[in-house]
Amino acid sequence: MAEAIALEMEQDPSVFVLGEDIGKYGGIFGSTQGLIDKFGQERVLDTPISETAFIGAAIGAAAEGMRPIAELMFVDFFGVCMDQIYNHMAKIPYMSGGNVRLPMVLMTAVGGGYNDAAQHSQTLYATFGHMPGMKVVAPSTPYDLKGMMISAIRDDNPVLFMFHKSLQGLGWMEQLDVAVDHVPEESYTVPLDKAKVVREGSDVTIVGIQMMTHYAVEAAEKLSKEDGIEAEVIDLRSVAPIDKKTILSSIKKTRRLVVVDEDYLSYGMTAEVAAIAAEEALYDLEAPVRRIAVPDVPIPYSRPLEDFVIPGPEKIYQQVKKLMDEE
């Protein structure tokens, strides 16, 4: 992510970064590591703890033709700056009749899995995907992370860029194999509106995002090995706009759908994907859609309780197997 930002800062002087601990510290999740040494304090701005102020500053800078990247340290902190995000960042281009563009990126850390409790462990994909006016993306791999960040910086629309803490590969967090991959040094782009089939299958479609994509692949491998069930896994990548075409094409092939999310169950991404299936592929389905998500409770601090509420590979495996066995 820091490499992607650096590449864009090198070729476009209007790109700059601001946020809490993004300078000398390099971002608490490494998102801006090394940038201040390369570009200096005028283009990598450490801000006071006032999300309303610096996100508002980014909106104003974008309206004047710059391309700011602001970091909201945890997505959970959206409450103190929601007016700037929902009523300004998302709406100004529309309310100006398209006369004011806001080419800005608001990046933020999401996800649980390391016992940081109710105020630091949410994903809130649906909270932001629900609001028109912003693109909302959530890459799952290092390759997509870099390419989608470059695409987001170049986009003339406001983009909310969600990166998952567990996939950052930081030394003070448990290292996950899926957080490590080859990423080209040169600049490249990945589209902000396309889902990706990460595993081909013929029996059931599993739609996930970020950690749930990786857990779905793990469950799919177990289903194949132990039960002869071939699951197709889709990495959604973009919450808004959502790629209906890829989802519907897979449903027509497998005729079964399971949606898994690290967000809350009610009114979330699982409900949206299920509604797409019901409205546009109902007669292609041979079984009811299954949804797997966080129950409607705050994320617990306790490790056993957190493991219980956040879906994992075993829960996905059991739910898919149950769906197949009930037919």
C-alpha atoms as a PDB file:
ATOM      1  CA  MET A   1       0.000   0.000   0.000  1.00  0.00           C
ATOM      2  CA  ALA A   2       2.787   2.431   0.876  1.00  0.00           C
ATOM      3  CA  GLU A   3       4.522   1.510  -2.391  1.00  0.00           C
ATOM      4  CA  ALA A   4       1.367   2.273  -4.362  1.00  0.00           C
ATOM      5  CA  ILE A   5       1.001   5.671  -2.676  1.00  0.00           C
ATOM      6  CA  ALA A   6       4.687   6.463  -3.271  1.00  0.00           C
ATOM      7  CA  LEU A   7       4.422   5.658  -6.978  1.00  0.00           C
ATOM      8  CA  GLU A   8       1.465   8.009  -7.358  1.00  0.00           C
ATOM      9  CA  MET A   9       3.128  10.750  -5.300  1.00  0.00           C
ATOM     10  CA  GLU A  10       6.197  10.541  -7.536  1.00  0.00           C
ATOM     11  CA  GLN A  11       4.249  11.060 -10.754  1.00  0.00           C
ATOM     12  CA  ASP A  12       1.562  13.460  -9.486  1.00  0.00           C
ATOM     13  CA  PRO A  13       2.497  16.413  -7.220  1.00  0.00           C
ATOM     14  CA  SER A  14      -1.159  16.915  -6.269  1.00  0.00           C
ATOM     15  CA  VAL A  15      -1.174  13.649  -4.271  1.00  0.00           C
ATOM     16  CA  PHE A  16      -0.519  13.983  -0.552  1.00  0.00           C
ATOM     17  CA  VAL A  17      -1.310  12.033   2.630  1.00  0.00           C
ATOM     18  CA  LEU A  18      -2.674  13.116   5.996  1.00  0.00           C
ATOM     19  CA  GLY A  19      -3.868  11.449   9.166  1.00  0.00           C
ATOM     20  CA  GLU A  20      -2.907  10.355  12.653  1.00  0.00           C
ATOM     21  CA  ASP A  21       0.511   8.693  13.056  1.00  0.00           C
ATOM     22  CA  ILE A  22       1.002   8.429   9.288  1.00  0.00           C
ATOM     23  CA  GLY A  23       4.273  10.371   9.252  1.00  0.00           C
ATOM     24  CA  LYS A  24       7.212   9.279  11.367  1.00  0.00           C
ATOM     25  CA  TYR A  25       5.348   6.246  12.668  1.00  0.00           C
ATOM     26  CA  GLY A  26       4.367   5.179   9.150  1.00  0.00           C
ATOM     27  CA  GLY A  27       0.791   4.368  10.103  1.00  0.00           C
ATOM     28  CA  ILE A  28      -0.003   1.967  12.919  1.00  0.00           C
ATOM     29  CA  PHE A  29      -0.717  -0.702  10.281  1.00  0.00           C
ATOM     30  CA  GLY A  30       2.229   0.226   8.042  1.00  0.00           C
ATOM     31  CA  SER A  31       0.077   1.866   5.377  1.00  0.00           C
ATOM     32  CA  THR A  32       2.376   4.891   4.955  1.00  0.00           C
ATOM     33  CA  GLN A  33       5.703   3.410   5.997  1.00  0.00           C
ATOM     34  CA  GLY A  34       8.725   5.331   4.656  1.00  0.00           C
ATOM     35  CA  LEU A  35       6.716   8.030   2.892  1.00  0.00           C
ATOM     36  CA  ILE A  36       7.753  10.927   5.130  1.00  0.00           C
ATOM     37  CA  ASP A  37      11.447  10.174   4.563  1.00  0.00           C
ATOM     38  CA  LYS A  38      10.899  10.277   0.827  1.00  0.00           C
ATOM     39  CA  PHE A  39       8.460  13.163   0.445  1.00  0.00           C
ATOM     40  CA  GLY A  40       8.805  15.259   3.597  1.00  0.00           C
ATOM     41  CA  GLN A  41       6.377  16.781   6.050  1.00  0.00           C
ATOM     42  CA  GLU A  42       4.648  19.019   3.519  1.00  0.00           C
ATOM     43  CA  ARG A  43       3.206  16.045   1.636  1.00  0.00           C
ATOM     44  CA  VAL A  44       2.928  13.546   4.516  1.00  0.00           C
ATOM     45  CA  LEU A  45       1.067  15.359   7.271  1.00  0.00           C
ATOM     46  CA  ASP A  46       0.733  14.055  10.812  1.00  0.00           C
ATOM     47  CA  THR A  47      -2.516  15.497  12.146  1.00  0.00           C
ATOM     48  CA  PRO A  48      -3.983  16.092  15.594  1.00  0.00           C
ATOM     49  CA  ILE A  49      -6.603  13.642  16.838  1.00  0.00           C
ATOM     50  CA  SER A  50      -9.510  15.339  15.088  1.00  0.00           C
ATOM     51  CA  GLU A  51     -10.952  13.182  12.347  1.00  0.00           C
ATOM     52  CA  THR A  52     -13.557  15.789  11.468  1.00  0.00           C
ATOM     53  CA  ALA A  53     -10.820  18.374  10.899  1.00  0.00           C
ATOM     54  CA  PHE A  54      -8.427  16.410   8.723  1.00  0.00           C
ATOM     55  CA  ILE A  55     -11.075  14.575   6.684  1.00  0.00           C
ATOM     56  CA  GLY A  56     -12.736  17.947   6.151  1.00  0.00           C
ATOM     57  CA  ALA A  57      -9.372  19.368   5.078  1.00  0.00           C
ATOM     58  CA  ALA A  58      -8.971  16.505   2.599  1.00  0.00           C
ATOM     59  CA  ILE A  59     -12.431  17.185   1.156  1.00  0.00           C
ATOM     60  CA  GLY A  60     -11.602  20.854   0.712  1.00  0.00           C
ATOM     61  CA  ALA A  61      -8.259  20.053  -0.914  1.00  0.00           C
ATOM     62  CA  ALA A  62      -9.929  17.597  -3.298  1.00  0.00           C
ATOM     63  CA  ALA A  63     -12.548  20.189  -4.233  1.00  0.00           C
ATOM     64  CA  GLU A  64      -9.680  22.535  -5.173  1.00  0.00           C
ATOM     65  CA  GLY A  65      -8.052  19.983  -7.478  1.00  0.00           C
ATOM     66  CA  MET A  66      -5.640  18.053  -5.286  1.00  0.00           C
ATOM     67  CA  ARG A  67      -5.722  14.293  -4.703  1.00  0.00           C
ATOM     68  CA  PRO A  68      -5.541  13.765  -0.947  1.00  0.00           C
ATOM     69  CA  ILE A  69      -5.324  10.410   0.821  1.00  0.00           C
ATOM     70  CA  ALA A  70      -6.642  10.585   4.375  1.00  0.00           C
ATOM     71  CA  GLU A  71      -6.393   7.733   6.861  1.00  0.00           C
ATOM     72  CA  LEU A  72      -9.143   7.083   9.382  1.00  0.00           C
ATOM     73  CA  MET A  73      -7.114   4.890  11.727  1.00  0.00           C
ATOM     74  CA  PHE A  74      -9.923   2.430  12.577  1.00  0.00           C
ATOM     75  CA  VAL A  75     -13.195   2.279  10.673  1.00  0.00           C
ATOM     76  CA  ASP A  76     -14.871   2.110  14.099  1.00  0.00           C
ATOM     77  CA  PHE A  77     -13.994   5.796  14.583  1.00  0.00           C
ATOM     78  CA  PHE A  78     -16.397   6.840  11.812  1.00  0.00           C
ATOM     79  CA  GLY A  79     -18.882   8.124  14.401  1.00  0.00           C
ATOM     80  CA  VAL A  80     -16.888  11.261  15.188  1.00  0.00           C
ATOM     81  CA  CYS A  81     -16.588  12.290  11.517  1.00  0.00           C
ATOM     82  CA  MET A  82     -19.666  10.856   9.838  1.00  0.00           C
ATOM     83  CA  ASP A  83     -20.961  14.268   8.808  1.00  0.00           C
ATOM     84  CA  GLN A  84     -17.811  14.865   6.761  1.00  0.00           C
ATOM     85  CA  ILE A  85     -18.007  11.418   5.140  1.00  0.00           C
ATOM     86  CA  TYR A  86     -21.736  11.026   4.528  1.00  0.00           C
ATOM     87  CA  ASN A  87     -22.886  14.617   4.026  1.00  0.00           C
ATOM     88  CA  HIS A  88     -19.842  16.135   2.348  1.00  0.00           C
ATOM     89  CA  MET A  89     -17.484  13.567   0.818  1.00  0.00           C
ATOM     90  CA  ALA A  90     -20.324  11.445  -0.560  1.00  0.00           C
ATOM     91  CA  LYS A  91     -22.739  14.220  -1.566  1.00  0.00           C
ATOM     92  CA  ILE A  92     -20.828  17.300  -2.783  1.00  0.00           C
ATOM     93  CA  PRO A  93     -20.255  15.997  -6.346  1.00  0.00           C
ATOM     94  CA  TYR A  94     -23.981  15.234  -6.675  1.00  0.00           C
ATOM     95  CA  MET A  95     -25.217  18.422  -4.994  1.00  0.00           C
ATOM     96  CA  SER A  96     -22.956  20.542  -7.190  1.00  0.00           C
ATOM     97  CA  GLY A  97     -24.433  18.964 -10.304  1.00  0.00           C
ATOM     98  CA  GLY A  98     -21.079  17.393 -11.056  1.00  0.00           C
ATOM     99  CA  ASN A  99     -19.287  20.746 -11.069  1.00  0.00           C
ATOM    100  CA  VAL A 100     -17.181  19.875  -8.024  1.00  0.00           C
ATOM    101  CA  ARG A 101     -15.150  16.686  -8.195  1.00  0.00           C
ATOM    102  CA  LEU A 102     -13.699  15.052  -5.102  1.00  0.00           C
ATOM    103  CA  PRO A 103     -10.787  12.853  -6.250  1.00  0.00           C
ATOM    104  CA  MET A 104      -9.853  11.670  -2.767  1.00  0.00           C
ATOM    105  CA  VAL A 105      -9.191   8.418  -0.968  1.00  0.00           C
ATOM    106  CA  LEU A 106     -10.268   7.754   2.613  1.00  0.00           C
ATOM    107  CA  MET A 107      -8.413   4.640   3.723  1.00  0.00           C
ATOM    108  CA  THR A 108      -9.237   2.833   6.930  1.00  0.00           C
ATOM    109  CA  ALA A 109      -8.418  -0.362   8.826  1.00  0.00           C
ATOM    110  CA  VAL A 110     -11.162  -2.946   9.328  1.00  0.00           C
ATOM    111  CA  GLY A 111     -11.619  -6.385  10.843  1.00  0.00           C
ATOM    112  CA  GLY A 112     -11.181  -8.406  13.980  1.00  0.00           C
ATOM    113  CA  GLY A 113      -9.278 -11.543  14.810  1.00  0.00           C
ATOM    114  CA  TYR A 114      -6.780 -10.184  17.293  1.00  0.00           C
ATOM    115  CA  ASN A 115      -8.933  -9.386  20.344  1.00  0.00           C
ATOM    116  CA  ASP A 116      -9.266  -5.634  20.143  1.00  0.00           C
ATOM    117  CA  ALA A 117     -12.874  -5.668  21.333  1.00  0.00           C
ATOM    118  CA  ALA A 118     -16.059  -3.919  20.290  1.00  0.00           C
ATOM    119  CA  GLN A 119     -14.688  -0.489  19.367  1.00  0.00           C
ATOM    120  CA  HIS A 120     -11.709  -1.611  17.252  1.00  0.00           C
ATOM    121  CA  SER A 121     -12.790  -4.815  15.471  1.00  0.00           C
ATOM    122  CA  GLN A 122     -15.630  -4.036  13.082  1.00  0.00           C
ATOM    123  CA  THR A 123     -15.682  -4.088   9.290  1.00  0.00           C
ATOM    124  CA  LEU A 124     -18.819  -2.006   8.602  1.00  0.00           C
ATOM    125  CA  TYR A 125     -18.751  -2.735   4.869  1.00  0.00           C
ATOM    126  CA  ALA A 126     -22.518  -2.327   4.581  1.00  0.00           C
ATOM    127  CA  THR A 127     -22.604   0.914   6.578  1.00  0.00           C
ATOM    128  CA  PHE A 128     -20.640   2.662   3.836  1.00  0.00           C
ATOM    129  CA  GLY A 129     -21.789   0.593   0.870  1.00  0.00           C
ATOM    130  CA  HIS A 130     -25.339   1.694   1.710  1.00  0.00           C
ATOM    131  CA  MET A 131     -24.575   5.386   1.076  1.00  0.00           C
ATOM    132  CA  PRO A 132     -24.639   6.558  -2.566  1.00  0.00           C
ATOM    133  CA  GLY A 133     -21.835   8.790  -3.790  1.00  0.00           C
ATOM    134  CA  MET A 134     -18.728   6.830  -2.800  1.00  0.00           C
ATOM    135  CA  LYS A 135     -16.906   3.846  -4.168  1.00  0.00           C
ATOM    136  CA  VAL A 136     -16.223   1.355  -1.374  1.00  0.00           C
ATOM    137  CA  VAL A 137     -13.513  -1.256  -1.920  1.00  0.00           C
ATOM    138  CA  ALA A 138     -11.924  -3.941   0.241  1.00  0.00           C
ATOM    139  CA  PRO A 139      -9.034  -5.875  -1.373  1.00  0.00           C
ATOM    140  CA  SER A 140      -8.033  -9.298  -0.086  1.00  0.00           C
ATOM    141  CA  THR A 141      -4.544  -9.878  -1.507  1.00  0.00           C
ATOM    142  CA  PRO A 142      -1.285  -7.877  -1.641  1.00  0.00           C
ATOM    143  CA  TYR A 143      -1.503  -7.729  -5.439  1.00  0.00           C
ATOM    144  CA  ASP A 144      -5.043  -6.364  -5.413  1.00  0.00           C
ATOM    145  CA  LEU A 145      -4.229  -4.000  -2.547  1.00  0.00           C
ATOM    146  CA  LYS A 146      -1.525  -2.210  -4.525  1.00  0.00           C
ATOM    147  CA  GLY A 147      -3.392  -2.159  -7.827  1.00  0.00           C
ATOM    148  CA  MET A 148      -6.669  -1.012  -6.293  1.00  0.00           C
ATOM    149  CA  MET A 149      -4.934   1.726  -4.282  1.00  0.00           C
ATOM    150  CA  ILE A 150      -3.392   3.117  -7.473  1.00  0.00           C
ATOM    151  CA  SER A 151      -6.812   2.950  -9.168  1.00  0.00           C
ATOM    152  CA  ALA A 152      -8.415   4.674  -6.171  1.00  0.00           C
ATOM    153  CA  ILE A 153      -5.912   7.552  -6.169  1.00  0.00           C
ATOM    154  CA  ARG A 154      -6.444   8.116  -9.896  1.00  0.00           C
ATOM    155  CA  ASP A 155     -10.236   7.934  -9.672  1.00  0.00           C
ATOM    156  CA  ASP A 156     -12.110  11.233  -9.873  1.00  0.00           C
ATOM    157  CA  ASN A 157     -14.711   9.998  -7.378  1.00  0.00           C
ATOM    158  CA  PRO A 158     -14.337   9.711  -3.597  1.00  0.00           C
ATOM    159  CA  VAL A 159     -13.173   6.216  -2.688  1.00  0.00           C
ATOM    160  CA  LEU A 160     -13.402   4.566   0.712  1.00  0.00           C
ATOM    161  CA  PHE A 161     -10.504   2.098   0.771  1.00  0.00           C
ATOM    162  CA  MET A 162     -10.785  -0.571   3.468  1.00  0.00           C
ATOM    163  CA  PHE A 163      -7.726  -2.657   4.341  1.00  0.00           C
ATOM    164  CA  HIS A 164      -7.935  -5.611   6.712  1.00  0.00           C
ATOM    165  CA  LYS A 165      -5.678  -5.471   9.767  1.00  0.00           C
ATOM    166  CA  SER A 166      -5.044  -9.222   9.811  1.00  0.00           C
ATOM    167  CA  LEU A 167      -3.797  -9.095   6.213  1.00  0.00           C
ATOM    168  CA  GLN A 168      -1.269  -6.301   6.792  1.00  0.00           C
ATOM    169  CA  GLY A 169       1.531  -8.714   7.731  1.00  0.00           C
ATOM    170  CA  LEU A 170       2.806  -6.656  10.644  1.00  0.00           C
ATOM    171  CA  GLY A 171       5.387  -7.993  13.067  1.00  0.00           C
ATOM    172  CA  TRP A 172       3.267  -7.458  16.166  1.00  0.00           C
ATOM    173  CA  MET A 173       0.365  -9.429  14.694  1.00  0.00           C
ATOM    174  CA  GLU A 174       0.182 -13.092  13.807  1.00  0.00           C
ATOM    175  CA  GLN A 175       1.675 -13.612  10.334  1.00  0.00           C
ATOM    176  CA  LEU A 176      -0.783 -15.161   7.883  1.00  0.00           C
ATOM    177  CA  ASP A 177       0.448 -16.973   4.787  1.00  0.00           C
ATOM    178  CA  VAL A 178      -2.271 -15.300   2.698  1.00  0.00           C
ATOM    179  CA  ALA A 179      -0.817 -11.889   3.609  1.00  0.00           C
ATOM    180  CA  VAL A 180       2.361 -12.688   1.657  1.00  0.00           C
ATOM    181  CA  ASP A 181       2.525 -12.749  -2.129  1.00  0.00           C
ATOM    182  CA  HIS A 182       4.575 -11.476  -5.048  1.00  0.00           C
ATOM    183  CA  VAL A 183       3.748  -7.887  -5.951  1.00  0.00           C
ATOM    184  CA  PRO A 184       5.365  -6.231  -8.999  1.00  0.00           C
ATOM    185  CA  GLU A 185       7.483  -3.184  -8.204  1.00  0.00           C
ATOM    186  CA  GLU A 186       6.129  -1.221 -11.141  1.00  0.00           C
ATOM    187  CA  SER A 187       2.847   0.641 -11.253  1.00  0.00           C
ATOM    188  CA  TYR A 188      -0.306  -1.262 -12.314  1.00  0.00           C
ATOM    189  CA  THR A 189      -4.036  -0.961 -11.719  1.00  0.00           C
ATOM    190  CA  VAL A 190      -6.800  -3.309 -10.608  1.00  0.00           C
ATOM    191  CA  PRO A 191     -10.418  -2.233 -11.326  1.00  0.00           C
ATOM    192  CA  LEU A 192     -12.571  -0.943  -8.477  1.00  0.00           C
ATOM    193  CA  ASP A 193     -15.803  -2.515  -9.702  1.00  0.00           C
ATOM    194  CA  LYS A 194     -14.994  -6.153 -10.426  1.00  0.00           C
ATOM    195  CA  ALA A 195     -15.309  -9.258  -8.286  1.00  0.00           C
ATOM    196  CA  LYS A 196     -12.867 -12.108  -8.862  1.00  0.00           C
ATOM    197  CA  VAL A 197     -13.398 -15.859  -9.065  1.00  0.00           C
ATOM    198  CA  VAL A 198     -10.539 -17.129  -6.915  1.00  0.00           C
ATOM    199  CA  ARG A 199     -11.523 -20.813  -7.053  1.00  0.00           C
ATOM    200  CA  GLU A 200     -13.507 -22.557  -9.778  1.00  0.00           C
ATOM    201  CA  GLY A 201     -16.257 -24.953  -8.740  1.00  0.00           C
ATOM    202  CA  SER A 202     -19.440 -26.589  -9.988  1.00  0.00           C
ATOM    203  CA  ASP A 203     -21.568 -27.430  -6.921  1.00  0.00           C
ATOM    204  CA  VAL A 204     -21.995 -24.259  -4.844  1.00  0.00           C
ATOM    205  CA  THR A 205     -20.968 -20.599  -4.992  1.00  0.00           C
ATOM    206  CA  ILE A 206     -19.427 -18.996  -1.913  1.00  0.00           C
ATOM    207  CA  VAL A 207     -19.227 -15.188  -1.992  1.00  0.00           C
ATOM    208  CA  GLY A 208     -16.862 -13.564   0.508  1.00  0.00           C
ATOM    209  CA  ILE A 209     -14.652 -10.544   1.005  1.00  0.00           C
ATOM    210  CA  GLN A 210     -11.210 -10.010   2.588  1.00  0.00           C
ATOM    211  CA  MET A 211     -10.622 -12.558   5.388  1.00  0.00           C
ATOM    212  CA  MET A 212     -13.847 -14.356   4.562  1.00  0.00           C
ATOM    213  CA  THR A 213     -12.570 -14.976   1.033  1.00  0.00           C
ATOM    214  CA  HIS A 214      -9.494 -16.718   2.398  1.00  0.00           C
ATOM    215  CA  TYR A 215     -11.552 -18.687   4.914  1.00  0.00           C
ATOM    216  CA  ALA A 216     -13.964 -19.678   2.134  1.00  0.00           C
ATOM    217  CA  VAL A 217     -11.080 -21.011   0.025  1.00  0.00           C
ATOM    218  CA  GLU A 218      -9.832 -23.012   3.013  1.00  0.00           C
ATOM    219  CA  ALA A 219     -13.324 -24.427   3.560  1.00  0.00           C
ATOM    220  CA  ALA A 220     -13.662 -25.180  -0.159  1.00  0.00           C
ATOM    221  CA  GLU A 221     -10.447 -27.197  -0.163  1.00  0.00           C
ATOM    222  CA  LYS A 222     -11.738 -29.262   2.764  1.00  0.00           C
ATOM    223  CA  LEU A 223     -15.106 -29.777   1.069  1.00  0.00           C
ATOM    224  CA  SER A 224     -13.337 -31.022  -2.057  1.00  0.00           C
ATOM    225  CA  LYS A 225     -10.983 -33.320  -0.190  1.00  0.00           C
ATOM    226  CA  GLU A 226     -13.382 -34.812   2.346  1.00  0.00           C
ATOM    227  CA  ASP A 227     -16.789 -34.632   0.652  1.00  0.00           C
ATOM    228  CA  GLY A 228     -16.217 -34.340  -3.088  1.00  0.00           C
ATOM    229  CA  ILE A 229     -18.034 -30.993  -3.128  1.00  0.00           C
ATOM    230  CA  GLU A 230     -16.526 -28.443  -5.505  1.00  0.00           C
ATOM    231  CA  ALA A 231     -17.193 -24.909  -4.300  1.00  0.00           C
ATOM    232  CA  GLU A 232     -16.642 -21.847  -6.454  1.00  0.00           C
ATOM    233  CA  VAL A 233     -15.303 -18.949  -4.380  1.00  0.00           C
ATOM    234  CA  ILE A 234     -15.837 -15.318  -5.364  1.00  0.00           C
ATOM    235  CA  ASP A 235     -13.834 -12.498  -3.819  1.00  0.00           C
ATOM    236  CA  LEU A 236     -16.209  -9.544  -3.963  1.00  0.00           C
ATOM    237  CA  ARG A 237     -13.377  -6.949  -3.704  1.00  0.00           C
ATOM    238  CA  SER A 238     -15.779  -4.041  -4.240  1.00  0.00           C
ATOM    239  CA  VAL A 239     -18.746  -3.364  -1.970  1.00  0.00           C
ATOM    240  CA  ALA A 240     -19.934  -0.392  -4.024  1.00  0.00           C
ATOM    241  CA  PRO A 241     -20.402  -0.766  -6.887  1.00  0.00           C
ATOM    242  CA  ILE A 242     -21.142  -4.461  -6.440  1.00  0.00           C
ATOM    243  CA  ASP A 243     -20.361  -6.788  -9.348  1.00  0.00           C
ATOM    244  CA  LYS A 244     -23.693  -8.476 -10.005  1.00  0.00           C
ATOM    245  CA  LYS A 245     -22.574 -10.020 -13.275  1.00  0.00           C
ATOM    246  CA  THR A 246     -19.875 -12.221 -11.722  1.00  0.00           C
ATOM    247  CA  ILE A 247     -22.185 -13.341  -8.901  1.00  0.00           C
ATOM    248  CA  LEU A 248     -25.095 -14.185 -11.209  1.00  0.00           C
ATOM    249  CA  SER A 249     -22.889 -15.983 -13.712  1.00  0.00           C
ATOM    250  CA  SER A 250     -21.580 -18.232 -10.933  1.00  0.00           C
ATOM    251  CA  ILE A 251     -25.066 -18.923  -9.562  1.00  0.00           C
ATOM    252  CA  LYS A 252     -26.254 -20.020 -12.997  1.00  0.00           C
ATOM    253  CA  LYS A 253     -23.395 -22.522 -13.049  1.00  0.00           C
ATOM    254  CA  THR A 254     -23.545 -23.928  -9.489  1.00  0.00           C
ATOM    255  CA  ARG A 255     -27.260 -23.292  -8.689  1.00  0.00           C
ATOM    256  CA  ARG A 256     -26.495 -22.783  -4.982  1.00  0.00           C
ATOM    257  CA  LEU A 257     -25.295 -19.733  -3.041  1.00  0.00           C
ATOM    258  CA  VAL A 258     -23.641 -19.184   0.329  1.00  0.00           C
ATOM    259  CA  VAL A 259     -22.632 -15.653   1.343  1.00  0.00           C
ATOM    260  CA  VAL A 260     -20.135 -15.111   4.154  1.00  0.00           C
ATOM    261  CA  ASP A 261     -19.285 -11.795   5.793  1.00  0.00           C
ATOM    262  CA  GLU A 262     -17.298 -10.450   8.751  1.00  0.00           C
ATOM    263  CA  ASP A 263     -19.875  -7.676   9.108  1.00  0.00           C
ATOM    264  CA  TYR A 264     -23.108  -7.978  11.064  1.00  0.00           C
ATOM    265  CA  LEU A 265     -25.827 -10.277   9.737  1.00  0.00           C
ATOM    266  CA  SER A 266     -28.824  -7.944   9.640  1.00  0.00           C
ATOM    267  CA  TYR A 267     -29.046  -5.442   6.762  1.00  0.00           C
ATOM    268  CA  GLY A 268     -25.528  -6.318   5.646  1.00  0.00           C
ATOM    269  CA  MET A 269     -23.628  -7.447   2.573  1.00  0.00           C
ATOM    270  CA  THR A 270     -24.991 -10.983   2.894  1.00  0.00           C
ATOM    271  CA  ALA A 271     -28.543  -9.615   2.638  1.00  0.00           C
ATOM    272  CA  GLU A 272     -27.636  -7.540  -0.438  1.00  0.00           C
ATOM    273  CA  VAL A 273     -26.096 -10.486  -2.294  1.00  0.00           C
ATOM    274  CA  ALA A 274     -29.035 -12.696  -1.300  1.00  0.00           C
ATOM    275  CA  ALA A 275     -31.427 -10.036  -2.636  1.00  0.00           C
ATOM    276  CA  ILE A 276     -29.542  -9.910  -5.946  1.00  0.00           C
ATOM    277  CA  ALA A 277     -29.910 -13.679  -6.220  1.00  0.00           C
ATOM    278  CA  ALA A 278     -33.615 -13.549  -5.332  1.00  0.00           C
ATOM    279  CA  GLU A 279     -34.403 -10.751  -7.774  1.00  0.00           C
ATOM    280  CA  GLU A 280     -32.318 -11.863 -10.730  1.00  0.00           C
ATOM    281  CA  ALA A 281     -31.550 -15.577 -10.358  1.00  0.00           C
ATOM    282  CA  LEU A 282     -34.335 -17.073  -8.257  1.00  0.00           C
ATOM    283  CA  TYR A 283     -35.229 -19.775 -10.753  1.00  0.00           C
ATOM    284  CA  ASP A 284     -31.592 -20.759 -11.163  1.00  0.00           C
ATOM    285  CA  LEU A 285     -31.342 -21.685  -7.470  1.00  0.00           C
ATOM    286  CA  GLU A 286     -32.000 -25.253  -6.361  1.00  0.00           C
ATOM    287  CA  ALA A 287     -31.800 -24.423  -2.629  1.00  0.00           C
ATOM    288  CA  PRO A 288     -32.383 -21.409  -0.365  1.00  0.00           C
ATOM    289  CA  VAL A 289     -29.496 -18.957  -0.013  1.00  0.00           C
ATOM    290  CA  ARG A 290     -27.444 -19.408   3.152  1.00  0.00           C
ATOM    291  CA  ARG A 291     -25.949 -16.417   4.956  1.00  0.00           C
ATOM    292  CA  ILE A 292     -23.022 -16.624   7.387  1.00  0.00           C
ATOM    293  CA  ALA A 293     -22.034 -13.465   9.264  1.00  0.00           C
ATOM    294  CA  VAL A 294     -21.375 -11.952  12.671  1.00  0.00           C
ATOM    295  CA  PRO A 295     -24.466 -12.227  14.906  1.00  0.00           C
ATOM    296  CA  ASP A 296     -26.028  -8.899  15.834  1.00  0.00           C
ATOM    297  CA  VAL A 297     -23.806  -8.410  18.881  1.00  0.00           C
ATOM    298  CA  PRO A 298     -20.726  -6.225  19.501  1.00  0.00           C
ATOM    299  CA  ILE A 299     -17.428  -7.996  18.791  1.00  0.00           C
ATOM    300  CA  PRO A 300     -16.307  -9.534  22.121  1.00  0.00           C
ATOM    301  CA  TYR A 301     -12.872  -8.981  23.624  1.00  0.00           C
ATOM    302  CA  SER A 302     -12.589 -12.584  24.835  1.00  0.00           C
ATOM    303  CA  ARG A 303     -10.704 -14.736  22.332  1.00  0.00           C
ATOM    304  CA  PRO A 304     -13.070 -17.745  22.544  1.00  0.00           C
ATOM    305  CA  LEU A 305     -16.085 -15.458  22.166  1.00  0.00           C
ATOM    306  CA  GLU A 306     -14.522 -13.517  19.280  1.00  0.00           C
ATOM    307  CA  ASP A 307     -13.719 -16.808  17.548  1.00  0.00           C
ATOM    308  CA  PHE A 308     -17.319 -17.856  18.114  1.00  0.00           C
ATOM    309  CA  VAL A 309     -18.938 -14.788  16.507  1.00  0.00           C
ATOM    310  CA  ILE A 310     -16.549 -14.202  13.584  1.00  0.00           C
ATOM    311  CA  PRO A 311     -17.060 -16.868  10.898  1.00  0.00           C
ATOM    312  CA  GLY A 312     -14.096 -19.130  10.272  1.00  0.00           C
ATOM    313  CA  PRO A 313     -13.246 -21.919   7.821  1.00  0.00           C
ATOM    314  CA  GLU A 314     -14.918 -24.613   9.922  1.00  0.00           C
ATOM    315  CA  LYS A 315     -18.200 -22.740  10.207  1.00  0.00           C
ATOM    316  CA  ILE A 316     -18.245 -22.148   6.452  1.00  0.00           C
ATOM    317  CA  TYR A 317     -17.426 -25.809   5.819  1.00  0.00           C
ATOM    318  CA  GLN A 318     -20.226 -27.022   8.107  1.00  0.00           C
ATOM    319  CA  GLN A 319     -22.840 -24.662   6.631  1.00  0.00           C
ATOM    320  CA  VAL A 320     -21.996 -25.561   3.032  1.00  0.00           C
ATOM    321  CA  LYS A 321     -22.012 -29.277   3.851  1.00  0.00           C
ATOM    322  CA  LYS A 322     -25.377 -28.904   5.595  1.00  0.00           C
ATOM    323  CA  LEU A 323     -26.784 -27.104   2.545  1.00  0.00           C
ATOM    324  CA  MET A 324     -25.630 -29.886   0.240  1.00  0.00           C
ATOM    325  CA  ASP A 325     -26.788 -32.685   2.569  1.00  0.00           C
ATOM    326  CA  GLU A 326     -30.320 -31.241   2.911  1.00  0.00           C
ATOM    327  CA  GLU A 327     -31.095 -31.600  -0.785  1.00  0.00           C
END
